[in-house]
């Protein structure tokens, strides 16, 4: 696997129910032999019980088999009782 200065660009959501995360962009550079990188996305907390939500990351200018990754924001609230 060889990567040439890939750029991190989040895809727009297919639908938007609320503001779940802060959009970001930047550059991710892999050193020779590196196969993983951590990408930080600021998740906006709330007190609403909701389903898990997902979004895609696309790597541009990369020479790899799959240039898209999916991230899932897990709901950390228990449903209200009663």
PDB file of N, CA and C in Angstrom:
ATOM      1  N   UNK A   1       0.845  -1.172   0.000  1.00  0.00           N
ATOM      2  CA  UNK A   1       0.000   0.000   0.000  1.00  0.00           C
ATOM      3  C   UNK A   1       0.885   1.228   0.000  1.00  0.00           C
ATOM      4  N   UNK A   2       0.587   2.178  -0.879  1.00  0.00           N
ATOM      5  CA  UNK A   2       1.363   3.406  -0.966  1.00  0.00           C
ATOM      6  C   UNK A   2       0.399   4.574  -1.037  1.00  0.00           C
ATOM      7  N   UNK A   3       0.553   5.541  -0.152  1.00  0.00           N
ATOM      8  CA  UNK A   3      -0.347   6.688  -0.105  1.00  0.00           C
ATOM      9  C   UNK A   3       0.416   7.956  -0.443  1.00  0.00           C
ATOM     10  N   UNK A   4      -0.184   8.798  -1.256  1.00  0.00           N
ATOM     11  CA  UNK A   4       0.427  10.073  -1.617  1.00  0.00           C
ATOM     12  C   UNK A   4      -0.400  11.215  -1.045  1.00  0.00           C
ATOM     13  N   UNK A   5       0.017  11.767   0.056  1.00  0.00           N
ATOM     14  CA  UNK A   5      -0.634  12.895   0.709  1.00  0.00           C
ATOM     15  C   UNK A   5      -2.156  12.831   0.626  1.00  0.00           C
ATOM     16  N   UNK A   6      -2.774  11.843   1.258  1.00  0.00           N
ATOM     17  CA  UNK A   6      -4.233  11.787   1.232  1.00  0.00           C
ATOM     18  C   UNK A   6      -4.829  12.946   2.026  1.00  0.00           C
ATOM     19  N   UNK A   7      -6.014  13.369   1.644  1.00  0.00           N
ATOM     20  CA  UNK A   7      -6.715  14.437   2.346  1.00  0.00           C
ATOM     21  C   UNK A   7      -7.981  13.871   2.962  1.00  0.00           C
ATOM     22  N   UNK A   8      -8.283  14.326   4.150  1.00  0.00           N
ATOM     23  CA  UNK A   8      -9.460  13.885   4.882  1.00  0.00           C
ATOM     24  C   UNK A   8     -10.601  14.849   4.602  1.00  0.00           C
ATOM     25  N   UNK A   9     -11.695  14.353   4.011  1.00  0.00           N
ATOM     26  CA  UNK A   9     -12.858  15.186   3.716  1.00  0.00           C
ATOM     27  C   UNK A   9     -14.117  14.448   4.128  1.00  0.00           C
ATOM     28  N   UNK A  10     -14.815  14.917   5.177  1.00  0.00           N
ATOM     29  CA  UNK A  10     -16.045  14.226   5.555  1.00  0.00           C
ATOM     30  C   UNK A  10     -17.124  14.425   4.505  1.00  0.00           C
ATOM     31  N   UNK A  11     -17.885  13.388   4.247  1.00  0.00           N
ATOM     32  CA  UNK A  11     -18.994  13.480   3.305  1.00  0.00           C
ATOM     33  C   UNK A  11     -20.177  14.143   3.995  1.00  0.00           C
ATOM     34  N   UNK A  12     -20.993  14.859   3.236  1.00  0.00           N
ATOM     35  CA  UNK A  12     -22.184  15.441   3.863  1.00  0.00           C
ATOM     36  C   UNK A  12     -23.145  14.336   4.278  1.00  0.00           C
ATOM     37  N   UNK A  13     -23.882  14.529   5.376  1.00  0.00           N
ATOM     38  CA  UNK A  13     -24.819  13.489   5.804  1.00  0.00           C
ATOM     39  C   UNK A  13     -25.950  13.326   4.798  1.00  0.00           C
ATOM     40  N   UNK A  14     -26.469  12.106   4.704  1.00  0.00           N
ATOM     41  CA  UNK A  14     -27.602  11.843   3.827  1.00  0.00           C
ATOM     42  C   UNK A  14     -28.841  12.544   4.390  1.00  0.00           C
ATOM     43  N   UNK A  15     -28.993  12.534   5.691  1.00  0.00           N
ATOM     44  CA  UNK A  15     -30.074  13.268   6.336  1.00  0.00           C
ATOM     45  C   UNK A  15     -29.510  13.886   7.598  1.00  0.00           C
ATOM     46  N   UNK A  16     -30.171  14.895   8.111  1.00  0.00           N
ATOM     47  CA  UNK A  16     -29.672  15.575   9.300  1.00  0.00           C
ATOM     48  C   UNK A  16     -30.833  15.806  10.256  1.00  0.00           C
ATOM     49  N   UNK A  17     -30.825  15.075  11.367  1.00  0.00           N
ATOM     50  CA  UNK A  17     -31.870  15.243  12.362  1.00  0.00           C
ATOM     51  C   UNK A  17     -31.494  16.297  13.391  1.00  0.00           C
ATOM     52  N   UNK A  18     -30.214  16.419  13.677  1.00  0.00           N
ATOM     53  CA  UNK A  18     -29.732  17.385  14.658  1.00  0.00           C
ATOM     54  C   UNK A  18     -28.245  17.609  14.421  1.00  0.00           C
ATOM     55  N   UNK A  19     -27.659  18.461  15.209  1.00  0.00           N
ATOM     56  CA  UNK A  19     -26.218  18.692  15.100  1.00  0.00           C
ATOM     57  C   UNK A  19     -25.516  17.695  16.003  1.00  0.00           C
ATOM     58  N   UNK A  20     -24.916  16.666  15.411  1.00  0.00           N
ATOM     59  CA  UNK A  20     -24.312  15.574  16.156  1.00  0.00           C
ATOM     60  C   UNK A  20     -22.803  15.709  16.285  1.00  0.00           C
ATOM     61  N   UNK A  21     -22.156  16.261  15.267  1.00  0.00           N
ATOM     62  CA  UNK A  21     -20.704  16.399  15.305  1.00  0.00           C
ATOM     63  C   UNK A  21     -20.308  17.673  14.575  1.00  0.00           C
ATOM     64  N   UNK A  22     -19.086  18.121  14.850  1.00  0.00           N
ATOM     65  CA  UNK A  22     -18.558  19.301  14.185  1.00  0.00           C
ATOM     66  C   UNK A  22     -17.804  18.851  12.944  1.00  0.00           C
ATOM     67  N   UNK A  23     -18.197  19.338  11.781  1.00  0.00           N
ATOM     68  CA  UNK A  23     -17.509  18.976  10.536  1.00  0.00           C
ATOM     69  C   UNK A  23     -16.053  19.429  10.608  1.00  0.00           C
ATOM     70  N   UNK A  24     -15.192  18.666   9.976  1.00  0.00           N
ATOM     71  CA  UNK A  24     -13.764  18.982  10.003  1.00  0.00           C
ATOM     72  C   UNK A  24     -13.130  18.579   8.683  1.00  0.00           C
ATOM     73  N   UNK A  25     -11.975  19.115   8.408  1.00  0.00           N
ATOM     74  CA  UNK A  25     -11.192  18.675   7.255  1.00  0.00           C
ATOM     75  C   UNK A  25      -9.731  18.836   7.604  1.00  0.00           C
ATOM     76  N   UNK A  26      -8.869  18.244   6.838  1.00  0.00           N
ATOM     77  CA  UNK A  26      -7.446  18.318   7.111  1.00  0.00           C
ATOM     78  C   UNK A  26      -6.686  17.346   6.248  1.00  0.00           C
ATOM     79  N   UNK A  27      -5.437  17.173   6.570  1.00  0.00           N
ATOM     80  CA  UNK A  27      -4.557  16.283   5.822  1.00  0.00           C
ATOM     81  C   UNK A  27      -4.056  15.173   6.732  1.00  0.00           C
ATOM     82  N   UNK A  28      -4.105  13.956   6.245  1.00  0.00           N
ATOM     83  CA  UNK A  28      -3.571  12.795   6.954  1.00  0.00           C
ATOM     84  C   UNK A  28      -2.420  12.265   6.116  1.00  0.00           C
ATOM     85  N   UNK A  29      -1.248  12.152   6.715  1.00  0.00           N
ATOM     86  CA  UNK A  29      -0.077  11.669   5.988  1.00  0.00           C
ATOM     87  C   UNK A  29       0.425  10.388   6.642  1.00  0.00           C
ATOM     88  N   UNK A  30       0.576   9.345   5.841  1.00  0.00           N
ATOM     89  CA  UNK A  30       1.089   8.069   6.317  1.00  0.00           C
ATOM     90  C   UNK A  30       2.574   7.980   6.001  1.00  0.00           C
ATOM     91  N   UNK A  31       3.355   7.620   7.001  1.00  0.00           N
ATOM     92  CA  UNK A  31       4.772   7.348   6.790  1.00  0.00           C
ATOM     93  C   UNK A  31       4.897   5.971   6.139  1.00  0.00           C
ATOM     94  N   UNK A  32       6.011   5.692   5.469  1.00  0.00           N
ATOM     95  CA  UNK A  32       6.201   4.366   4.878  1.00  0.00           C
ATOM     96  C   UNK A  32       6.004   3.265   5.931  1.00  0.00           C
ATOM     97  N   UNK A  33       5.184   2.275   5.613  1.00  0.00           N
ATOM     98  CA  UNK A  33       4.922   1.167   6.523  1.00  0.00           C
ATOM     99  C   UNK A  33       3.738   1.382   7.454  1.00  0.00           C
ATOM    100  N   UNK A  34       3.261   2.603   7.614  1.00  0.00           N
ATOM    101  CA  UNK A  34       2.097   2.858   8.467  1.00  0.00           C
ATOM    102  C   UNK A  34       0.825   2.403   7.764  1.00  0.00           C
ATOM    103  N   UNK A  35      -0.081   1.800   8.520  1.00  0.00           N
ATOM    104  CA  UNK A  35      -1.340   1.331   7.929  1.00  0.00           C
ATOM    105  C   UNK A  35      -2.570   1.890   8.629  1.00  0.00           C
ATOM    106  N   UNK A  36      -2.402   2.556   9.773  1.00  0.00           N
ATOM    107  CA  UNK A  36      -3.551   3.129  10.476  1.00  0.00           C
ATOM    108  C   UNK A  36      -3.240   4.547  10.941  1.00  0.00           C
ATOM    109  N   UNK A  37      -4.281   5.333  11.079  1.00  0.00           N
ATOM    110  CA  UNK A  37      -4.200   6.686  11.629  1.00  0.00           C
ATOM    111  C   UNK A  37      -5.456   6.926  12.451  1.00  0.00           C
ATOM    112  N   UNK A  38      -5.350   7.770  13.453  1.00  0.00           N
ATOM    113  CA  UNK A  38      -6.500   8.167  14.255  1.00  0.00           C
ATOM    114  C   UNK A  38      -6.959   9.540  13.804  1.00  0.00           C
ATOM    115  N   UNK A  39      -8.253   9.663  13.571  1.00  0.00           N
ATOM    116  CA  UNK A  39      -8.851  10.927  13.162  1.00  0.00           C
ATOM    117  C   UNK A  39      -9.808  11.344  14.267  1.00  0.00           C
ATOM    118  N   UNK A  40      -9.657  12.562  14.766  1.00  0.00           N
ATOM    119  CA  UNK A  40     -10.495  13.053  15.851  1.00  0.00           C
ATOM    120  C   UNK A  40     -11.634  13.900  15.301  1.00  0.00           C
ATOM    121  N   UNK A  41     -12.840  13.583  15.718  1.00  0.00           N
ATOM    122  CA  UNK A  41     -14.033  14.342  15.344  1.00  0.00           C
ATOM    123  C   UNK A  41     -14.730  14.741  16.637  1.00  0.00           C
ATOM    124  N   UNK A  42     -15.022  16.030  16.790  1.00  0.00           N
ATOM    125  CA  UNK A  42     -15.699  16.504  17.993  1.00  0.00           C
ATOM    126  C   UNK A  42     -17.180  16.147  17.915  1.00  0.00           C
ATOM    127  N   UNK A  43     -17.621  15.314  18.865  1.00  0.00           N
ATOM    128  CA  UNK A  43     -19.024  14.914  18.947  1.00  0.00           C
ATOM    129  C   UNK A  43     -19.719  15.869  19.912  1.00  0.00           C
ATOM    130  N   UNK A  44     -20.862  16.395  19.500  1.00  0.00           N
ATOM    131  CA  UNK A  44     -21.622  17.327  20.327  1.00  0.00           C
ATOM    132  C   UNK A  44     -22.606  16.542  21.182  1.00  0.00           C
ATOM    133  N   UNK A  45     -22.421  16.592  22.490  1.00  0.00           N
ATOM    134  CA  UNK A  45     -23.273  15.843  23.404  1.00  0.00           C
ATOM    135  C   UNK A  45     -24.645  16.476  23.553  1.00  0.00           C
ATOM    136  N   UNK A  46     -25.602  15.659  23.908  1.00  0.00           N
ATOM    137  CA  UNK A  46     -26.949  16.141  24.191  1.00  0.00           C
ATOM    138  C   UNK A  46     -27.597  15.187  25.181  1.00  0.00           C
ATOM    139  N   UNK A  47     -28.816  15.459  25.553  1.00  0.00           N
ATOM    140  CA  UNK A  47     -29.529  14.602  26.505  1.00  0.00           C
ATOM    141  C   UNK A  47     -30.701  13.891  25.841  1.00  0.00           C
ATOM    142  N   UNK A  48     -30.639  13.756  24.533  1.00  0.00           N
ATOM    143  CA  UNK A  48     -31.707  13.119  23.770  1.00  0.00           C
ATOM    144  C   UNK A  48     -31.335  11.669  23.485  1.00  0.00           C
ATOM    145  N   UNK A  49     -32.239  10.738  23.826  1.00  0.00           N
ATOM    146  CA  UNK A  49     -32.011   9.335  23.481  1.00  0.00           C
ATOM    147  C   UNK A  49     -32.310   9.172  21.992  1.00  0.00           C
ATOM    148  N   UNK A  50     -31.327   8.673  21.249  1.00  0.00           N
ATOM    149  CA  UNK A  50     -31.497   8.549  19.802  1.00  0.00           C
ATOM    150  C   UNK A  50     -30.737   7.333  19.296  1.00  0.00           C
ATOM    151  N   UNK A  51     -30.938   6.986  18.043  1.00  0.00           N
ATOM    152  CA  UNK A  51     -30.235   5.867  17.431  1.00  0.00           C
ATOM    153  C   UNK A  51     -28.767   6.216  17.220  1.00  0.00           C
ATOM    154  N   UNK A  52     -27.925   5.168  17.051  1.00  0.00           N
ATOM    155  CA  UNK A  52     -26.543   5.400  16.648  1.00  0.00           C
ATOM    156  C   UNK A  52     -26.562   6.093  15.292  1.00  0.00           C
ATOM    157  N   UNK A  53     -25.581   6.952  15.040  1.00  0.00           N
ATOM    158  CA  UNK A  53     -25.521   7.684  13.779  1.00  0.00           C
ATOM    159  C   UNK A  53     -24.163   7.458  13.131  1.00  0.00           C
ATOM    160  N   UNK A  54     -24.126   7.406  11.813  1.00  0.00           N
ATOM    161  CA  UNK A  54     -22.887   7.126  11.085  1.00  0.00           C
ATOM    162  C   UNK A  54     -22.615   8.200  10.047  1.00  0.00           C
ATOM    163  N   UNK A  55     -21.336   8.328   9.707  1.00  0.00           N
ATOM    164  CA  UNK A  55     -20.934   9.215   8.623  1.00  0.00           C
ATOM    165  C   UNK A  55     -19.708   8.615   7.953  1.00  0.00           C
ATOM    166  N   UNK A  56     -19.414   9.068   6.742  1.00  0.00           N
ATOM    167  CA  UNK A  56     -18.302   8.539   5.954  1.00  0.00           C
ATOM    168  C   UNK A  56     -17.132   9.506   5.929  1.00  0.00           C
ATOM    169  N   UNK A  57     -15.944   8.938   5.772  1.00  0.00           N
ATOM    170  CA  UNK A  57     -14.740   9.705   5.473  1.00  0.00           C
ATOM    171  C   UNK A  57     -14.227   9.228   4.128  1.00  0.00           C
ATOM    172  N   UNK A  58     -13.873  10.145   3.277  1.00  0.00           N
ATOM    173  CA  UNK A  58     -13.272   9.805   1.989  1.00  0.00           C
ATOM    174  C   UNK A  58     -11.820  10.247   1.987  1.00  0.00           C
ATOM    175  N   UNK A  59     -10.942   9.372   1.534  1.00  0.00           N
ATOM    176  CA  UNK A  59      -9.536   9.728   1.357  1.00  0.00           C
ATOM    177  C   UNK A  59      -9.313  10.029  -0.116  1.00  0.00           C
ATOM    178  N   UNK A  60      -8.861  11.223  -0.405  1.00  0.00           N
ATOM    179  CA  UNK A  60      -8.568  11.623  -1.781  1.00  0.00           C
ATOM    180  C   UNK A  60      -7.062  11.585  -2.008  1.00  0.00           C
ATOM    181  N   UNK A  61      -6.647  11.393  -3.228  1.00  0.00           N
ATOM    182  CA  UNK A  61      -5.227  11.316  -3.607  1.00  0.00           C
ATOM    183  C   UNK A  61      -4.531  10.143  -2.936  1.00  0.00           C
ATOM    184  N   UNK A  62      -5.253   9.067  -2.698  1.00  0.00           N
ATOM    185  CA  UNK A  62      -4.682   7.883  -2.058  1.00  0.00           C
ATOM    186  C   UNK A  62      -4.669   6.728  -3.051  1.00  0.00           C
ATOM    187  N   UNK A  63      -3.620   5.915  -2.975  1.00  0.00           N
ATOM    188  CA  UNK A  63      -3.534   4.726  -3.810  1.00  0.00           C
ATOM    189  C   UNK A  63      -3.768   3.520  -2.903  1.00  0.00           C
ATOM    190  N   UNK A  64      -5.033   3.171  -2.728  1.00  0.00           N
ATOM    191  CA  UNK A  64      -5.429   2.060  -1.868  1.00  0.00           C
ATOM    192  C   UNK A  64      -6.648   1.386  -2.491  1.00  0.00           C
ATOM    193  N   UNK A  65      -7.014   0.234  -1.970  1.00  0.00           N
ATOM    194  CA  UNK A  65      -8.148  -0.506  -2.525  1.00  0.00           C
ATOM    195  C   UNK A  65      -9.460   0.202  -2.207  1.00  0.00           C
ATOM    196  N   UNK A  66      -9.663   0.589  -0.953  1.00  0.00           N
ATOM    197  CA  UNK A  66     -10.890   1.267  -0.541  1.00  0.00           C
ATOM    198  C   UNK A  66     -10.529   2.630   0.019  1.00  0.00           C
ATOM    199  N   UNK A  67     -11.095   3.687  -0.549  1.00  0.00           N
ATOM    200  CA  UNK A  67     -10.740   5.023  -0.087  1.00  0.00           C
ATOM    201  C   UNK A  67     -11.842   5.658   0.755  1.00  0.00           C
ATOM    202  N   UNK A  68     -12.728   4.825   1.311  1.00  0.00           N
ATOM    203  CA  UNK A  68     -13.806   5.350   2.134  1.00  0.00           C
ATOM    204  C   UNK A  68     -13.889   4.546   3.422  1.00  0.00           C
ATOM    205  N   UNK A  69     -14.095   5.256   4.528  1.00  0.00           N
ATOM    206  CA  UNK A  69     -14.275   4.606   5.826  1.00  0.00           C
ATOM    207  C   UNK A  69     -15.560   5.127   6.440  1.00  0.00           C
ATOM    208  N   UNK A  70     -16.172   4.326   7.290  1.00  0.00           N
ATOM    209  CA  UNK A  70     -17.392   4.748   7.973  1.00  0.00           C
ATOM    210  C   UNK A  70     -17.105   4.848   9.463  1.00  0.00           C
ATOM    211  N   UNK A  71     -17.648   5.881  10.090  1.00  0.00           N
ATOM    212  CA  UNK A  71     -17.534   6.064  11.534  1.00  0.00           C
ATOM    213  C   UNK A  71     -18.942   6.053  12.111  1.00  0.00           C
ATOM    214  N   UNK A  72     -19.092   5.500  13.310  1.00  0.00           N
ATOM    215  CA  UNK A  72     -20.401   5.434  13.955  1.00  0.00           C
ATOM    216  C   UNK A  72     -20.329   6.105  15.317  1.00  0.00           C
ATOM    217  N   UNK A  73     -21.254   7.022  15.565  1.00  0.00           N
ATOM    218  CA  UNK A  73     -21.390   7.673  16.864  1.00  0.00           C
ATOM    219  C   UNK A  73     -22.422   6.861  17.635  1.00  0.00           C
ATOM    220  N   UNK A  74     -21.977   6.235  18.735  1.00  0.00           N
ATOM    221  CA  UNK A  74     -22.868   5.387  19.522  1.00  0.00           C
ATOM    222  C   UNK A  74     -23.668   6.225  20.503  1.00  0.00           C
ATOM    223  N   UNK A  75     -24.960   5.948  20.610  1.00  0.00           N
ATOM    224  CA  UNK A  75     -25.801   6.629  21.588  1.00  0.00           C
ATOM    225  C   UNK A  75     -25.400   6.136  22.966  1.00  0.00           C
ATOM    226  N   UNK A  76     -25.080   7.055  23.871  1.00  0.00           N
ATOM    227  CA  UNK A  76     -24.624   6.657  25.201  1.00  0.00           C
ATOM    228  C   UNK A  76     -25.680   6.900  26.274  1.00  0.00           C
ATOM    229  N   UNK A  77     -26.911   7.141  25.866  1.00  0.00           N
ATOM    230  CA  UNK A  77     -27.984   7.394  26.829  1.00  0.00           C
ATOM    231  C   UNK A  77     -28.928   6.203  26.894  1.00  0.00           C
ATOM    232  N   UNK A  78     -29.334   5.875  28.097  1.00  0.00           N
ATOM    233  CA  UNK A  78     -30.336   4.822  28.264  1.00  0.00           C
ATOM    234  C   UNK A  78     -31.712   5.427  28.014  1.00  0.00           C
ATOM    235  N   UNK A  79     -32.631   4.667  27.439  1.00  0.00           N
ATOM    236  CA  UNK A  79     -33.977   5.205  27.224  1.00  0.00           C
ATOM    237  C   UNK A  79     -34.648   5.545  28.554  1.00  0.00           C
ATOM    238  N   UNK A  80     -35.480   6.563  28.543  1.00  0.00           N
ATOM    239  CA  UNK A  80     -36.200   6.971  29.749  1.00  0.00           C
ATOM    240  C   UNK A  80     -37.206   5.895  30.147  1.00  0.00           C
ATOM    241  N   UNK A  81     -37.335   5.674  31.433  1.00  0.00           N
ATOM    242  CA  UNK A  81     -38.292   4.686  31.942  1.00  0.00           C
ATOM    243  C   UNK A  81     -39.604   5.384  32.274  1.00  0.00           C
ATOM    244  N   UNK A  82     -40.695   4.675  32.085  1.00  0.00           N
ATOM    245  CA  UNK A  82     -41.978   5.215  32.509  1.00  0.00           C
ATOM    246  C   UNK A  82     -42.791   5.584  31.394  1.00  0.00           C
TER     247      UNK A  82
END
